[in-house]
Protein backbone atom coordinates (compact mmCIF):
# COMPACT_ATOMS: atom_id res chain seq x y z
CA MET A 1 11.18 19.14 25.91
CA GLU A 2 12.18 19.28 29.65
CA ALA A 3 15.41 18.28 31.02
CA SER A 4 13.67 15.34 33.18
CA GLU A 5 11.52 14.10 29.61
CA LEU A 6 14.87 14.20 28.05
CA ILE A 7 16.66 11.99 30.80
CA GLU A 8 14.21 9.46 30.62
CA ILE A 9 14.16 9.02 26.91
CA ILE A 10 17.45 8.39 27.13
CA SER A 11 17.28 5.82 29.86
CA ARG A 12 15.19 3.83 26.92
CA ASP A 13 17.89 3.28 24.79
CA GLU A 14 17.96 4.06 20.88
CA ASP A 15 14.83 3.06 18.94
CA SER A 16 13.55 3.94 15.20
CA ILE A 17 12.52 7.58 16.32
CA HIS A 18 15.68 8.59 18.75
CA GLN A 19 18.90 8.39 17.93
CA PHE A 20 22.06 9.45 20.08
CA LYS A 21 25.04 11.32 18.44
CA ALA A 22 28.01 12.47 20.74
CA ASN A 23 28.65 15.08 18.34
CA PHE A 24 28.42 16.13 14.59
CA ASN A 25 31.48 17.25 12.38
CA ASN A 26 30.38 15.84 9.02
CA VAL A 27 27.58 17.41 7.08
CA ASN A 28 26.81 14.71 4.59
CA SER A 29 26.81 12.29 7.80
CA LEU A 30 23.95 14.76 9.21
CA ALA A 31 21.69 14.81 6.07
CA ALA A 32 21.64 11.66 5.76
CA GLU A 33 20.16 11.20 9.19
CA MET A 34 17.57 13.41 8.33
CA VAL A 35 16.65 12.13 4.95
CA ALA A 36 16.32 8.45 6.53
CA PHE A 37 13.89 10.03 9.24
CA SER A 38 11.75 12.54 6.86
CA ASN A 39 11.27 9.13 5.12
CA SER A 40 10.32 7.07 7.72
CA GLY A 41 7.67 8.67 9.73
CA GLY A 42 9.73 11.47 11.79
CA GLY A 43 12.05 11.34 14.56
CA GLN A 44 14.65 13.48 17.04
CA ILE A 45 18.63 13.22 17.26
CA PHE A 46 19.86 13.70 20.42
CA ILE A 47 23.75 15.26 19.87
CA GLY A 48 25.58 15.38 22.81
CA VAL A 49 24.57 11.68 23.62
CA ASN A 50 27.01 8.75 23.45
CA ASN A 51 25.79 5.24 22.33
CA ASP A 52 25.97 4.15 26.11
CA GLY A 53 24.05 6.86 26.95
CA SER A 54 26.07 8.76 28.72
CA ILE A 55 26.40 12.85 28.45
CA ALA A 56 28.94 13.77 26.10
CA ALA A 57 29.69 17.50 27.72
CA LEU A 58 29.30 19.66 24.99
CA LYS A 59 29.32 23.59 25.64
CA ARG A 60 27.50 26.64 24.84
CA GLU A 61 30.16 27.36 21.86
CA ASP A 62 29.62 23.88 20.27
CA MET A 63 25.84 25.12 19.52
CA GLY A 64 26.55 27.82 17.43
CA ARG A 65 28.53 25.38 15.38
CA LEU A 66 25.85 22.42 15.58
CA ASN A 67 22.76 24.61 14.77
CA GLN A 68 24.77 25.71 11.56
CA LEU A 69 25.78 22.16 10.53
CA VAL A 70 22.27 21.75 10.86
CA SER A 71 20.58 24.55 8.79
CA ASN A 72 23.27 23.72 6.25
CA ALA A 73 22.52 19.89 5.86
CA SER A 74 18.73 20.30 6.06
CA SER A 75 18.19 22.94 3.20
CA GLN A 76 21.06 22.10 1.33
CA LEU A 77 21.59 18.61 0.95
CA VAL A 78 18.51 16.75 1.77
CA ARG A 79 16.16 17.26 -1.44
CA PRO A 80 13.74 18.56 -0.86
CA PRO A 81 14.68 20.52 1.89
CA VAL A 82 13.29 19.75 4.99
CA ASN A 83 12.69 22.37 7.86
CA PRO A 84 14.28 20.28 11.42
CA ILE A 85 13.64 22.28 14.86
CA THR A 86 16.36 22.37 17.11
CA GLU A 87 16.40 22.67 21.20
CA ASN A 88 19.39 22.86 23.35
CA ILE A 89 19.00 20.86 26.59
CA LYS A 90 20.82 21.84 30.11
CA LEU A 91 21.72 18.72 32.08
CA ALA A 92 24.25 18.41 34.62
CA ASP A 93 27.26 16.94 32.30
CA GLY A 94 26.91 19.32 29.51
CA LEU A 95 24.28 20.62 26.72
CA VAL A 96 22.40 18.39 24.14
CA MET A 97 20.66 19.23 21.64
CA VAL A 98 17.57 17.66 20.56
CA VAL A 99 16.67 18.05 16.73
CA THR A 100 12.92 16.40 15.63
CA ILE A 101 12.36 15.91 12.20
CA LEU A 102 8.90 15.63 11.14
CA ASP A 103 7.55 13.12 8.46
CA GLY A 104 7.78 14.29 5.37
CA ILE A 105 4.77 14.73 3.03
CA SER A 106 7.06 15.24 -0.11
CA LYS A 107 8.33 11.52 -0.10
CA PRO A 108 11.06 10.34 -1.16
CA TYR A 109 13.54 12.50 0.45
CA MET A 110 17.31 12.01 -0.78
CA ASP A 111 20.29 13.29 0.16
CA ASN A 112 23.03 15.08 -1.49
CA ASN A 113 24.15 12.29 -3.60
CA GLY A 114 20.76 10.88 -4.26
CA ALA A 115 20.51 7.93 -1.83
CA ILE A 116 17.33 7.52 -0.34
CA TRP A 117 18.06 6.57 3.37
CA VAL A 118 15.03 5.17 6.03
CA LYS A 119 15.18 3.92 9.30
CA SER A 120 15.69 0.25 10.12
CA GLY A 121 15.34 -0.13 14.24
CA SER A 122 17.67 2.39 15.61
CA ASP A 123 19.96 2.23 12.45
CA LYS A 124 18.97 3.65 8.86
CA ARG A 125 19.80 1.76 5.41
CA LYS A 126 19.80 2.91 1.80
CA VAL A 127 16.88 1.71 0.11
CA THR A 128 18.35 -0.29 -3.35
CA SER A 129 14.96 -2.15 -4.20
CA ARG A 130 13.55 -0.84 -7.13
CA GLU A 131 9.84 -2.16 -5.85
CA GLU A 132 10.42 -0.26 -2.64
CA ILE A 133 11.36 3.36 -4.41
CA GLN A 134 8.39 2.63 -6.27
CA ARG A 135 6.14 2.25 -3.43
CA MET A 136 7.67 5.48 -2.01
CA TYR A 137 6.66 7.47 -5.51
CA GLN A 138 3.50 5.88 -5.41
CA SER A 139 2.78 6.82 -1.67
CA ALA A 140 3.84 10.83 -2.64
CA GLY A 141 1.25 10.41 -5.52
CA LEU A 142 3.95 10.82 -8.22
CA ILE A 143 3.50 7.22 -10.03
CA HIS A 144 0.55 4.58 -9.85
CA GLY A 145 1.06 1.00 -9.97
CA ASP A 146 -1.93 0.60 -12.41
CA GLU A 147 -0.45 3.11 -14.66
CA ILE A 148 3.12 1.33 -15.39
CA LEU A 149 3.87 -0.54 -18.48
CA ALA A 150 2.88 -4.33 -18.25
CA ALA A 151 5.93 -5.11 -20.29
CA GLY A 152 5.36 -7.48 -23.61
CA ILE A 153 1.65 -7.01 -23.82
CA THR A 154 1.32 -4.80 -27.02
CA LEU A 155 -2.38 -4.06 -28.82
CA ALA A 156 -1.85 -7.75 -30.74
CA ASP A 157 -2.86 -8.99 -26.98
CA LEU A 158 -5.95 -6.67 -26.72
CA ASP A 159 -9.37 -8.45 -26.50
CA PHE A 160 -11.17 -6.68 -29.14
CA ASP A 161 -13.86 -8.17 -29.15
CA TYR A 162 -14.49 -7.54 -25.81
CA PHE A 163 -12.93 -3.94 -25.56
CA SER A 164 -15.00 -3.41 -28.60
CA ASP A 165 -18.67 -4.23 -26.80
CA PHE A 166 -17.37 -2.40 -23.57
CA PHE A 167 -16.93 0.55 -25.80
CA ALA A 168 -20.27 0.10 -27.54
CA LYS A 169 -22.34 0.08 -24.24
CA GLU A 170 -20.18 2.53 -22.58
CA TYR A 171 -19.71 5.37 -25.08
CA ASN A 172 -22.64 4.31 -27.36
CA GLU A 173 -20.54 4.35 -30.34
CA SER A 174 -18.95 1.24 -32.33
CA ILE A 175 -15.02 1.10 -32.54
CA GLU A 176 -15.62 0.75 -36.34
CA ASN A 177 -16.95 4.17 -36.77
CA ASN A 178 -15.03 6.34 -34.29
CA GLU A 179 -12.55 8.25 -36.09
CA ILE A 180 -9.45 7.89 -33.91
CA ALA A 181 -7.25 5.04 -34.15
CA ILE A 182 -7.12 2.28 -31.62
CA THR A 183 -4.01 3.25 -30.51
CA ARG A 184 -4.75 6.67 -29.79
CA LEU A 185 -8.16 5.70 -28.61
CA LEU A 186 -6.55 3.62 -25.82
CA GLU A 187 -4.02 6.25 -24.92
CA ASN A 188 -6.72 8.68 -24.71
CA MET A 189 -8.08 6.17 -22.16
CA ASN A 190 -5.26 5.97 -20.13
CA LEU A 191 -5.04 2.23 -20.86
CA SER A 192 -1.47 2.04 -23.11
CA LYS A 193 1.55 3.97 -24.04
CA ASN A 194 3.17 3.65 -27.70
CA GLY A 195 1.75 0.47 -28.68
CA THR A 196 2.44 -1.24 -24.85
CA LEU A 197 -0.49 -1.99 -22.45
CA ASN A 198 -0.42 -0.89 -19.05
CA ILE A 199 -1.17 -2.65 -15.80
CA ALA A 200 -4.48 -1.50 -16.06
CA GLY A 201 -5.39 -1.85 -19.88
CA ALA A 202 -3.99 -5.67 -19.51
CA LEU A 203 -5.96 -6.80 -16.57
CA LEU A 204 -9.19 -5.15 -17.86
CA PHE A 205 -8.98 -5.70 -21.84
CA SER A 206 -6.07 -8.19 -22.71
CA ARG A 207 -6.98 -11.64 -23.96
CA SER A 208 -4.45 -13.44 -21.54
CA PRO A 209 -3.11 -11.22 -18.88
CA GLN A 210 -1.24 -14.05 -16.52
CA PHE A 211 0.62 -14.52 -19.49
CA ARG A 212 3.03 -11.70 -18.72
CA LEU A 213 1.58 -10.65 -15.57
CA PRO A 214 1.62 -14.12 -13.72
CA LEU A 215 1.53 -13.29 -10.21
CA PHE A 216 -1.89 -10.99 -10.69
CA ILE A 217 -4.43 -13.16 -9.55
CA ILE A 218 -6.51 -14.76 -7.18
CA LYS A 219 -4.78 -17.97 -5.29
CA ALA A 220 -8.01 -19.58 -3.53
CA VAL A 221 -8.10 -22.78 -0.99
CA ALA A 222 -10.89 -23.95 0.99
CA TYR A 223 -10.16 -25.90 3.76
CA GLN A 224 -12.15 -28.54 6.59
CA GLY A 225 -10.77 -27.29 8.73
CA VAL A 226 -9.53 -24.13 10.93
CA ILE A 227 -5.83 -24.19 9.87
CA ILE A 228 -3.81 -24.45 6.74
CA ASP A 229 -3.38 -28.27 5.84
CA GLU A 230 -1.02 -28.50 2.59
CA SER A 231 -2.22 -32.14 2.34
CA HIS A 232 -5.86 -31.77 2.86
CA TYR A 233 -8.12 -29.57 1.34
CA LEU A 234 -11.58 -29.10 0.19
CA ASP A 235 -10.97 -27.10 -3.07
CA SER A 236 -8.14 -25.39 -4.69
CA GLN A 237 -7.92 -22.88 -7.85
CA ASP A 238 -5.71 -20.29 -9.46
CA LEU A 239 -8.45 -17.60 -10.45
CA THR A 240 -6.93 -16.08 -13.58
CA GLY A 241 -7.96 -14.14 -16.83
CA LYS A 242 -9.55 -10.60 -17.19
CA MET A 243 -9.79 -8.90 -13.82
CA ALA A 244 -13.91 -9.08 -14.33
CA ASP A 245 -13.04 -13.04 -14.93
CA ILE A 246 -11.08 -12.89 -12.13
CA PHE A 247 -13.90 -11.45 -9.71
CA GLN A 248 -16.64 -13.82 -10.69
CA LYS A 249 -14.43 -17.03 -10.84
CA ALA A 250 -13.76 -15.59 -6.51
CA LEU A 251 -17.61 -14.88 -6.31
CA ASN A 252 -18.55 -18.59 -7.49
CA PHE A 253 -15.45 -20.00 -5.55
CA ILE A 254 -16.52 -18.95 -2.28
CA SER A 255 -20.55 -19.50 -3.20
CA ASN A 256 -19.16 -23.05 -3.62
CA ASN A 257 -17.56 -23.24 -0.65
CA LEU A 258 -20.39 -21.60 1.83
CA GLN A 259 -23.58 -23.04 3.46
CA ARG A 260 -26.65 -22.08 2.54
CA ILE A 261 -29.53 -20.97 4.33
CA GLN A 262 -33.19 -22.07 4.24
CA LYS A 263 -34.74 -19.13 6.39
CA ASP A 264 -38.28 -18.58 5.21
CA ARG A 265 -37.75 -20.37 1.66
CA SER A 266 -39.49 -23.01 0.51
CA VAL A 267 -37.35 -26.60 0.55
CA ASN A 268 -37.00 -26.65 -2.89
CA SER A 269 -35.07 -23.16 -3.44
CA THR A 270 -31.27 -22.83 -3.24
CA GLY A 271 -31.27 -20.70 -0.21
CA GLU A 272 -29.38 -18.24 0.87
CA LEU A 273 -25.54 -17.12 1.39
CA GLU A 274 -24.42 -18.03 5.20
CA ILE A 275 -22.74 -14.68 4.49
CA PRO A 276 -24.79 -12.00 2.64
CA ARG A 277 -23.49 -11.46 -1.52
CA ILE A 278 -22.73 -8.13 -0.98
CA VAL A 279 -20.48 -8.29 1.34
CA LEU A 280 -18.51 -10.73 -0.66
CA GLU A 281 -18.97 -8.61 -3.99
CA GLU A 282 -17.59 -5.44 -1.99
CA LEU A 283 -14.55 -7.23 -0.28
CA LEU A 284 -13.40 -8.90 -3.51
CA VAL A 285 -13.72 -5.74 -5.79
CA ASN A 286 -12.01 -3.66 -2.99
CA ALA A 287 -9.13 -6.16 -2.92
CA LEU A 288 -8.95 -6.44 -6.75
CA ILE A 289 -9.00 -2.24 -7.33
CA HIS A 290 -7.03 -1.29 -4.13
CA ARG A 291 -4.25 -4.00 -3.55
CA ASP A 292 -0.50 -3.00 -4.34
CA TYR A 293 0.44 -3.49 -8.03
CA PHE A 294 3.93 -2.92 -7.37
CA VAL A 295 4.24 -6.07 -4.97
CA SER A 296 4.43 -9.32 -7.34
CA ALA A 297 2.17 -11.56 -5.34
CA PRO A 298 -1.14 -13.00 -5.56
CA ILE A 299 -4.21 -12.30 -3.78
CA ARG A 300 -5.14 -14.91 -1.20
CA LEU A 301 -8.32 -16.10 -0.39
CA PHE A 302 -8.33 -18.94 2.41
CA ILE A 303 -11.77 -20.40 3.07
CA PHE A 304 -12.01 -22.20 6.91
CA SER A 305 -14.65 -23.88 8.83
CA ASP A 306 -14.70 -20.85 11.07
CA ARG A 307 -13.79 -17.60 8.71
CA ILE A 308 -12.85 -16.53 5.49
CA ASP A 309 -9.16 -14.59 4.77
CA LEU A 310 -8.54 -12.66 2.05
CA ILE A 311 -5.12 -11.42 2.05
CA SER A 312 -4.32 -8.28 -0.43
CA PRO A 313 -0.45 -7.34 -0.87
CA GLY A 314 0.77 -3.97 0.51
CA HIS A 315 -0.67 -2.61 3.52
CA LEU A 316 -3.40 0.51 3.64
CA PRO A 317 -1.78 3.50 1.36
CA ASN A 318 -0.45 6.70 2.79
CA ASN A 319 -1.61 7.64 6.00
CA LEU A 320 -4.97 5.43 6.01
CA THR A 321 -5.73 3.46 8.96
CA ILE A 322 -8.67 0.72 9.86
CA GLU A 323 -10.76 3.23 11.87
CA ASN A 324 -10.80 5.91 9.09
CA ILE A 325 -11.60 3.25 6.44
CA LYS A 326 -14.39 1.91 8.86
CA LYS A 327 -15.84 5.30 8.55
CA GLY A 328 -15.54 5.77 4.89
CA VAL A 329 -12.00 7.48 4.26
CA SER A 330 -10.18 6.18 1.01
CA ASN A 331 -7.61 6.83 -0.64
CA ILE A 332 -7.07 5.47 -4.24
CA ARG A 333 -4.09 3.42 -4.98
CA ASN A 334 -4.92 2.79 -8.50
CA PRO A 335 -6.69 5.67 -10.21
CA ILE A 336 -6.98 3.93 -13.45
CA LEU A 337 -8.75 0.89 -12.16
CA ALA A 338 -10.77 2.74 -10.05
CA SER A 339 -12.12 4.64 -13.19
CA PHE A 340 -13.38 1.72 -14.62
CA ALA A 341 -14.31 -0.30 -12.00
CA SER A 342 -17.98 0.73 -11.60
CA LYS A 343 -18.47 0.18 -15.44
CA ILE A 344 -17.04 -3.51 -15.75
CA LEU A 345 -17.35 -4.51 -11.84
CA PRO A 346 -20.17 -3.98 -8.86
CA TYR A 347 -17.69 -1.27 -7.34
CA ARG A 348 -19.70 2.24 -6.35
CA GLY A 349 -16.66 4.07 -5.18
CA LEU A 350 -16.91 7.01 -2.91
CA GLY A 351 -15.03 4.41 -0.21
CA ASN A 352 -18.15 3.35 0.91
CA GLY A 353 -17.73 -0.50 0.00
CA ILE A 354 -16.25 -1.54 3.58
CA ARG A 355 -18.78 0.45 5.38
CA ARG A 356 -21.51 -1.22 3.25
CA ALA A 357 -20.05 -4.38 3.99
CA LEU A 358 -20.05 -3.92 7.99
CA GLN A 359 -23.41 -2.18 7.66
CA ALA A 360 -24.58 -5.93 6.10
CA TYR A 361 -22.21 -8.30 7.75
CA PRO A 362 -20.54 -6.79 11.39
CA ASN A 363 -18.75 -10.00 11.74
CA ILE A 364 -15.62 -8.61 9.85
CA SER A 365 -12.28 -8.04 11.39
CA PHE A 366 -9.32 -6.17 9.58
CA LEU A 367 -5.33 -6.49 10.13
CA GLU A 368 -2.85 -4.21 8.58
CA ASP A 369 0.83 -5.82 8.69
CA LYS A 370 3.44 -3.22 7.33
CA GLU A 371 6.02 -5.48 8.32
CA GLY A 372 4.88 -8.38 5.86
CA ASN A 373 3.60 -5.77 3.67
CA LEU A 374 -0.07 -6.85 3.06
CA PHE A 375 -3.49 -6.36 4.44
CA LYS A 376 -5.78 -8.65 5.78
CA ILE A 377 -9.82 -9.45 6.09
CA THR A 378 -11.34 -11.41 7.82
CA ILE A 379 -14.96 -12.51 7.52
CA GLY A 380 -16.31 -14.70 10.40
CA ARG A 381 -18.85 -17.65 9.64
CA LYS A 382 -22.06 -18.50 10.79
């Protein structure tokens, strides 16, 4: 880093990727800063800069001590260890050490006491929320929301006839003739553990999953105008049931609240939906399979006179961006649901759902709100 670049950054004050420290004597404090950056996209610590931006006049003999401190903190007090890069920059008023910490690939990182730190603006905060910790483990691929046990939903809640029909159709064998006990069978299919269904098993095969999972539904409202009107709407439904039921109810809700286009059909035909059916199928399936099941919130479906908004809990996982999902890049957030989806829903996988929808109907836009932890798809109406 050039001295001029360092001075220019200092002149802008601290932010979420630049931290000023006059000096460090406490190795635990330095480790906490490294943890926060490793968990939050990476950043730089400028040692030798006061909070007001003035230079703290560190000398050459300070650099050796600080380098040793950085080495000890990163290797012994950050779990798993990180590899910061240090650079000593000479300014007129003294030396500044620039410590660069890269975005970690093994999140969540912890300090020696097991605390998880993340950046919060120019400061840092300790992560204490169970959901936030779970999401960090999820981003590292260590756990998945669909494999978490659905407390209170046991084998007694299984829709046996529905599951039996699915099993016979998929595996060409009846449950009754199968030698494996139903308890073991469900565990082998990654749908339960110790007699309790997981989120995937409950949403796919239990009779009334919303009795214990009341927020894993779609809340659908159709409005006459272009904004949310809490007192006036055309239609409003809570779409509940198994995942296959929710999908079909959502498709019906949209179809019932869209216009139909005659095109070249006869006057006695029902006409075609103004938005192709494949677009609705692909985007609904995408929302149900890839939403974040660590977030206790419903999918929201709003129909306005000029658009449809489909809002899913959870922003895009890991390094996915709007641009690369348009190109077919995928990152499966809920692998159990994804493995069953093609057998129950019109789900083709391979990351091509968004691409197919755009090819059939280009008037679709996407918004990722990381702060609000949601992902919104907007389908323009003709």
